[in-house]
Amino acid sequence: MALFMTAAGLSASLGSCSPDELDFSQYPSLEISNKEITMKVYLPDAEKGLYRATRFDWSGVIGSVQYKGHEYFGYWKTTHDPMFHEDLSGPVEGFIEPGLGYADAEPGGKFIRIGVGVIEKADEPEYNWRETYKIVDHGEWKIDHGKDWITFSHEVVSGVGYGYIYEKSIKLKNDGFIIAHELRNTGSKTIETDQFNHNFFMIDGERSGTAFNISFPYDISTSDDPKGMLEIKGKEISFLRDLVDDDAVFVALTGYGETAQDHQVTVLNQKSGAGV
């Protein structure tokens, strides 16, 4: 497991600052809710979408989750470019880089990013996850939703042996939500991939710093330098100071095992009392 923290965000992840001057109302979105939770979800759109880069899956980009008077997510930067790899709110998800067929494709050839589409390979020595590549086929998106749920379906036929139907659903429950996935291989080639969730927590708009505590169900350790910003002790991570400006720290953590219980990590905003 790895933790990446900046002044604006903890990436496993905390964030902050959703500036009023940025107008996100221009981007297609839907709101779902139940008695406890209201969630804003941005929609995939090749022309008008909040996110049109190639790093992350375009479906299920969550812009806000409000629960019992607290906000858990939101946009975390002071600038926004739909074509920049990290300019979106979370949770968002992605598939293992560089993508299906990248190694076999010549420059100008095709490879596939699941949840994005068919991509043109650049003339480069290796894949760059920070780069936004040319999308030659966005595939077909279908969206369905009800009061407290939304589903996305993305179908891609590449012409180079890879094809899929990818479905994602978000369903609210009383105290949270469930994200479920299904990936069906419709091509002639085997799909080998992995998937990750990039949380981008932004709990009550608090910047990464001494307000936050992160706890694990096991003892943790790291060989990385916390740069005087973090204290890692026993099962907990705490901030030694508030992160400002371009402060950033990355630590790869060890100590976890193979049980589901090891996923029970808690991120707590001690100032507001809200956490996940």
Protein backbone atom coordinates (compact mmCIF):
# COMPACT_ATOMS: atom_id res chain seq x y z
CA MET A 1 0.00 0.00 0.00
CA ALA A 2 1.20 3.52 -0.72
CA LEU A 3 0.23 6.92 0.61
CA PHE A 4 0.86 10.15 -1.29
CA MET A 5 0.18 13.44 0.44
CA THR A 6 0.32 16.99 -0.87
CA ALA A 7 -0.68 20.31 0.64
CA ALA A 8 -3.94 19.93 -1.24
CA GLY A 9 -4.51 16.25 -0.76
CA LEU A 10 -3.86 12.84 0.73
CA SER A 11 -3.84 10.30 -2.01
CA ALA A 12 -5.08 7.25 -0.60
CA SER A 13 -6.09 10.33 -0.35
CA LEU A 14 -6.95 13.62 1.37
CA GLY A 15 -7.55 16.85 -0.49
CA SER A 16 -8.60 20.42 0.02
CA CYS A 17 -9.63 23.74 -1.47
CA SER A 18 -12.55 23.75 -3.87
CA PRO A 19 -12.27 27.34 -5.11
CA ASP A 20 -15.47 29.23 -5.76
CA GLU A 21 -14.12 30.77 -8.94
CA LEU A 22 -14.07 27.42 -10.77
CA ASP A 23 -17.40 26.76 -12.51
CA PHE A 24 -18.21 23.04 -12.44
CA SER A 25 -21.88 23.54 -13.30
CA GLN A 26 -20.91 23.49 -16.99
CA TYR A 27 -20.04 19.77 -16.83
CA PRO A 28 -22.72 17.06 -17.20
CA SER A 29 -23.61 15.45 -13.88
CA LEU A 30 -26.38 13.63 -12.01
CA GLU A 31 -27.40 13.66 -8.37
CA ILE A 32 -28.53 10.56 -6.50
CA SER A 33 -29.73 10.46 -2.91
CA ASN A 34 -31.44 8.54 -0.13
CA LYS A 35 -32.57 9.63 3.35
CA GLU A 36 -28.98 10.03 4.56
CA ILE A 37 -26.70 10.67 1.58
CA THR A 38 -26.59 13.01 -1.40
CA MET A 39 -24.02 12.24 -4.10
CA LYS A 40 -23.02 14.18 -7.22
CA VAL A 41 -21.61 12.10 -10.08
CA TYR A 42 -19.99 13.55 -13.21
CA LEU A 43 -20.85 11.83 -16.48
CA PRO A 44 -18.53 10.63 -19.27
CA ASP A 45 -18.77 12.98 -22.24
CA ALA A 46 -16.15 13.29 -24.99
CA GLU A 47 -17.12 16.88 -25.76
CA LYS A 48 -18.29 18.39 -22.47
CA GLY A 49 -17.13 16.09 -19.66
CA LEU A 50 -15.33 17.23 -16.52
CA TYR A 51 -12.59 14.69 -17.31
CA ARG A 52 -11.36 13.90 -20.84
CA ALA A 53 -7.79 12.73 -20.18
CA THR A 54 -6.57 9.13 -20.51
CA ARG A 55 -5.26 8.16 -17.06
CA PHE A 56 -8.52 7.41 -15.23
CA ASP A 57 -11.72 5.54 -16.05
CA TRP A 58 -14.32 8.13 -17.14
CA SER A 59 -17.25 6.49 -15.32
CA GLY A 60 -18.25 7.16 -11.73
CA VAL A 61 -16.28 10.37 -11.15
CA ILE A 62 -17.74 11.45 -7.81
CA GLY A 63 -17.89 15.19 -7.21
CA SER A 64 -19.53 15.28 -3.79
CA VAL A 65 -20.79 13.01 -1.01
CA GLN A 66 -22.75 14.73 1.77
CA TYR A 67 -23.70 12.71 4.86
CA LYS A 68 -25.11 14.00 8.15
CA GLY A 69 -23.86 17.54 7.60
CA HIS A 70 -20.37 16.59 6.42
CA GLU A 71 -18.74 16.69 2.97
CA TYR A 72 -16.38 13.85 2.10
CA PHE A 73 -15.22 14.61 -1.43
CA GLY A 74 -14.77 17.54 -3.79
CA TYR A 75 -12.42 19.12 -6.29
CA TRP A 76 -8.98 19.50 -4.73
CA LYS A 77 -7.02 21.94 -6.94
CA THR A 78 -7.11 25.66 -7.67
CA THR A 79 -7.01 25.14 -11.46
CA HIS A 80 -8.86 22.79 -13.79
CA ASP A 81 -8.13 21.43 -17.28
CA PRO A 82 -10.35 18.55 -18.51
CA MET A 83 -7.39 17.24 -20.53
CA PHE A 84 -4.94 17.08 -17.60
CA HIS A 85 -4.36 13.66 -16.04
CA GLU A 86 -5.25 14.47 -12.42
CA ASP A 87 -7.81 17.27 -12.78
CA LEU A 88 -10.88 15.55 -11.36
CA SER A 89 -12.47 14.74 -8.02
CA GLY A 90 -12.79 11.35 -6.44
CA PRO A 91 -13.23 8.59 -5.79
CA VAL A 92 -12.09 7.71 -9.30
CA GLU A 93 -10.70 4.48 -10.68
CA GLY A 94 -8.21 3.29 -13.23
CA PHE A 95 -6.81 0.13 -14.77
CA ILE A 96 -3.23 -1.07 -14.82
CA GLU A 97 -1.01 0.99 -17.07
CA PRO A 98 -0.18 1.27 -19.87
CA GLY A 99 -3.21 -0.58 -21.26
CA LEU A 100 -4.24 -3.49 -23.44
CA GLY A 101 -1.96 -4.03 -26.44
CA TYR A 102 0.47 -1.21 -25.68
CA ALA A 103 3.59 -3.39 -25.82
CA ASP A 104 2.64 -4.86 -29.20
CA ALA A 105 1.61 -1.61 -30.88
CA GLU A 106 3.95 0.40 -33.08
CA PRO A 107 3.98 4.22 -32.81
CA GLY A 108 0.73 5.35 -34.40
CA GLY A 109 -0.86 1.99 -33.63
CA LYS A 110 -3.69 1.28 -31.21
CA PHE A 111 -3.95 0.22 -27.60
CA ILE A 112 -6.87 0.30 -25.15
CA ARG A 113 -7.49 2.05 -21.87
CA ILE A 114 -10.46 0.42 -20.14
CA GLY A 115 -13.06 3.04 -19.32
CA VAL A 116 -11.51 5.48 -21.79
CA GLY A 117 -11.38 3.93 -25.27
CA VAL A 118 -8.97 3.14 -28.10
CA ILE A 119 -5.76 5.16 -27.83
CA GLU A 120 -3.10 6.04 -30.40
CA LYS A 121 0.38 5.04 -29.28
CA ALA A 122 2.90 7.86 -29.29
CA ASP A 123 6.51 7.55 -30.47
CA GLU A 124 8.01 7.21 -26.99
CA PRO A 125 10.41 4.93 -25.10
CA GLU A 126 7.78 3.97 -22.51
CA TYR A 127 4.24 4.75 -21.40
CA ASN A 128 3.82 8.00 -19.45
CA TRP A 129 0.81 7.93 -17.12
CA ARG A 130 0.93 11.71 -16.78
CA GLU A 131 0.48 12.14 -20.53
CA THR A 132 -2.91 12.61 -22.18
CA TYR A 133 -2.91 10.52 -25.36
CA LYS A 134 -4.99 10.89 -28.50
CA ILE A 135 -8.26 8.95 -28.30
CA VAL A 136 -9.16 7.54 -31.72
CA ASP A 137 -12.38 5.79 -30.61
CA HIS A 138 -14.28 6.68 -27.45
CA GLY A 139 -16.44 3.55 -27.64
CA GLU A 140 -20.11 3.65 -26.70
CA TRP A 141 -21.32 4.83 -23.30
CA LYS A 142 -24.77 4.06 -21.84
CA ILE A 143 -26.00 5.47 -18.53
CA ASP A 144 -29.02 4.49 -16.45
CA HIS A 145 -30.03 5.73 -13.01
CA GLY A 146 -32.68 5.82 -10.33
CA LYS A 147 -33.15 7.85 -7.17
CA ASP A 148 -30.32 6.17 -5.25
CA TRP A 149 -28.26 4.39 -7.92
CA ILE A 150 -26.48 4.92 -11.23
CA THR A 151 -24.96 2.48 -13.74
CA PHE A 152 -22.49 3.00 -16.57
CA SER A 153 -21.85 0.67 -19.51
CA HIS A 154 -18.89 1.14 -21.85
CA GLU A 155 -18.45 -0.98 -24.98
CA VAL A 156 -15.25 -0.90 -27.04
CA VAL A 157 -14.34 -2.76 -30.24
CA SER A 158 -10.72 -1.99 -31.09
CA GLY A 159 -9.98 -3.75 -34.37
CA VAL A 160 -6.74 -5.13 -32.87
CA GLY A 161 -8.17 -8.16 -31.07
CA TYR A 162 -9.26 -6.49 -27.84
CA GLY A 163 -12.85 -5.71 -26.98
CA TYR A 164 -14.96 -5.47 -23.86
CA ILE A 165 -18.19 -4.43 -22.22
CA TYR A 166 -17.40 -2.75 -18.92
CA GLU A 167 -20.18 -2.05 -16.42
CA LYS A 168 -19.93 -0.04 -13.22
CA SER A 169 -22.69 0.67 -10.72
CA ILE A 170 -22.86 2.96 -7.70
CA LYS A 171 -25.56 2.19 -5.14
CA LEU A 172 -26.18 4.26 -2.01
CA LYS A 173 -26.80 2.55 1.31
CA ASN A 174 -27.71 4.00 4.71
CA ASP A 175 -24.19 4.98 5.73
CA GLY A 176 -22.17 4.84 2.52
CA PHE A 177 -22.18 3.45 -0.99
CA ILE A 178 -21.12 0.40 -2.94
CA ILE A 179 -19.21 0.48 -6.24
CA ALA A 180 -19.56 -2.75 -8.24
CA HIS A 181 -17.92 -3.74 -11.53
CA GLU A 182 -18.27 -6.28 -14.32
CA LEU A 183 -15.84 -6.64 -17.23
CA ARG A 184 -16.76 -8.95 -20.12
CA ASN A 185 -14.16 -9.83 -22.72
CA THR A 186 -15.71 -9.58 -26.21
CA GLY A 187 -12.45 -9.73 -28.17
CA SER A 188 -10.23 -12.55 -29.38
CA LYS A 189 -7.29 -11.70 -27.10
CA THR A 190 -6.99 -12.38 -23.39
CA ILE A 191 -7.43 -9.41 -21.07
CA GLU A 192 -4.93 -9.24 -18.22
CA THR A 193 -5.39 -6.21 -16.03
CA ASP A 194 -5.78 -4.86 -12.53
CA GLN A 195 -7.83 -2.02 -11.11
CA PHE A 196 -7.36 0.60 -8.42
CA ASN A 197 -9.40 3.27 -6.67
CA HIS A 198 -7.90 6.74 -6.16
CA ASN A 199 -9.91 8.15 -3.26
CA PHE A 200 -9.06 11.87 -3.26
CA PHE A 201 -10.66 12.32 0.17
CA MET A 202 -11.52 15.94 0.94
CA ILE A 203 -13.24 15.75 4.31
CA ASP A 204 -15.00 19.00 5.21
CA GLY A 205 -12.57 20.96 3.03
CA GLU A 206 -9.66 20.44 5.43
CA ARG A 207 -6.13 20.65 4.06
CA SER A 208 -3.72 17.79 4.65
CA GLY A 209 -2.17 18.34 8.05
CA THR A 210 -2.44 17.94 11.79
CA ALA A 211 -6.25 17.66 11.73
CA PHE A 212 -5.97 14.18 10.23
CA ASN A 213 -5.17 10.78 11.68
CA ILE A 214 -4.93 7.56 9.66
CA SER A 215 -5.23 4.22 11.44
CA PHE A 216 -4.73 0.65 10.27
CA PRO A 217 -5.73 -2.74 11.73
CA TYR A 218 -2.07 -3.83 11.72
CA ASP A 219 1.34 -2.39 12.59
CA ILE A 220 2.76 -0.40 9.68
CA SER A 221 6.27 0.59 8.65
CA THR A 222 8.05 2.20 5.72
CA SER A 223 11.56 2.50 4.35
CA ASP A 224 10.69 5.83 2.70
CA ASP A 225 11.58 9.23 4.11
CA PRO A 226 8.52 11.00 5.60
CA LYS A 227 10.44 14.28 5.25
CA GLY A 228 9.56 15.49 8.72
CA MET A 229 5.90 15.73 7.72
CA LEU A 230 4.58 12.45 9.12
CA GLU A 231 4.96 10.26 12.18
CA ILE A 232 4.42 6.55 11.60
CA LYS A 233 3.97 4.73 14.89
CA GLY A 234 2.34 1.38 15.57
CA LYS A 235 -0.91 1.26 13.65
CA GLU A 236 -1.21 5.00 13.01
CA ILE A 237 -0.01 7.84 10.81
CA SER A 238 -0.22 11.40 12.08
CA PHE A 239 0.92 14.70 10.60
CA LEU A 240 3.69 16.60 12.37
CA ARG A 241 2.67 19.84 10.66
CA ASP A 242 0.22 21.22 8.14
CA LEU A 243 1.30 20.83 4.52
CA VAL A 244 1.51 24.08 2.57
CA ASP A 245 2.21 25.24 -1.00
CA ASP A 246 4.10 22.50 -2.89
CA ASP A 247 4.69 20.20 0.09
CA ALA A 248 4.39 16.54 -0.89
CA VAL A 249 5.39 13.23 0.68
CA PHE A 250 5.12 9.64 -0.57
CA VAL A 251 5.49 6.57 1.63
CA ALA A 252 5.09 2.92 0.65
CA LEU A 253 3.72 1.00 3.63
CA THR A 254 4.33 -2.59 4.68
CA GLY A 255 2.69 -4.78 7.28
CA TYR A 256 -0.58 -5.72 5.61
CA GLY A 257 -1.63 -9.30 5.01
CA GLU A 258 -4.07 -11.12 2.75
CA THR A 259 -7.28 -10.85 4.76
CA ALA A 260 -10.22 -8.55 4.05
CA GLN A 261 -9.85 -7.13 7.56
CA ASP A 262 -6.59 -5.48 6.48
CA HIS A 263 -8.62 -3.16 4.25
CA GLN A 264 -10.31 -1.56 7.28
CA VAL A 265 -8.27 1.66 7.19
CA THR A 266 -9.73 4.77 8.88
CA VAL A 267 -9.07 8.37 7.82
CA LEU A 268 -10.37 10.80 10.46
CA ASN A 269 -10.70 14.57 10.40
CA GLN A 270 -10.18 15.11 14.12
CA LYS A 271 -11.27 18.74 13.87
CA SER A 272 -14.74 18.06 12.46
CA GLY A 273 -15.16 14.49 13.71
CA ALA A 274 -15.94 13.14 10.23
CA GLY A 275 -14.08 10.17 8.81
CA VAL A 276 -14.18 7.12 6.59
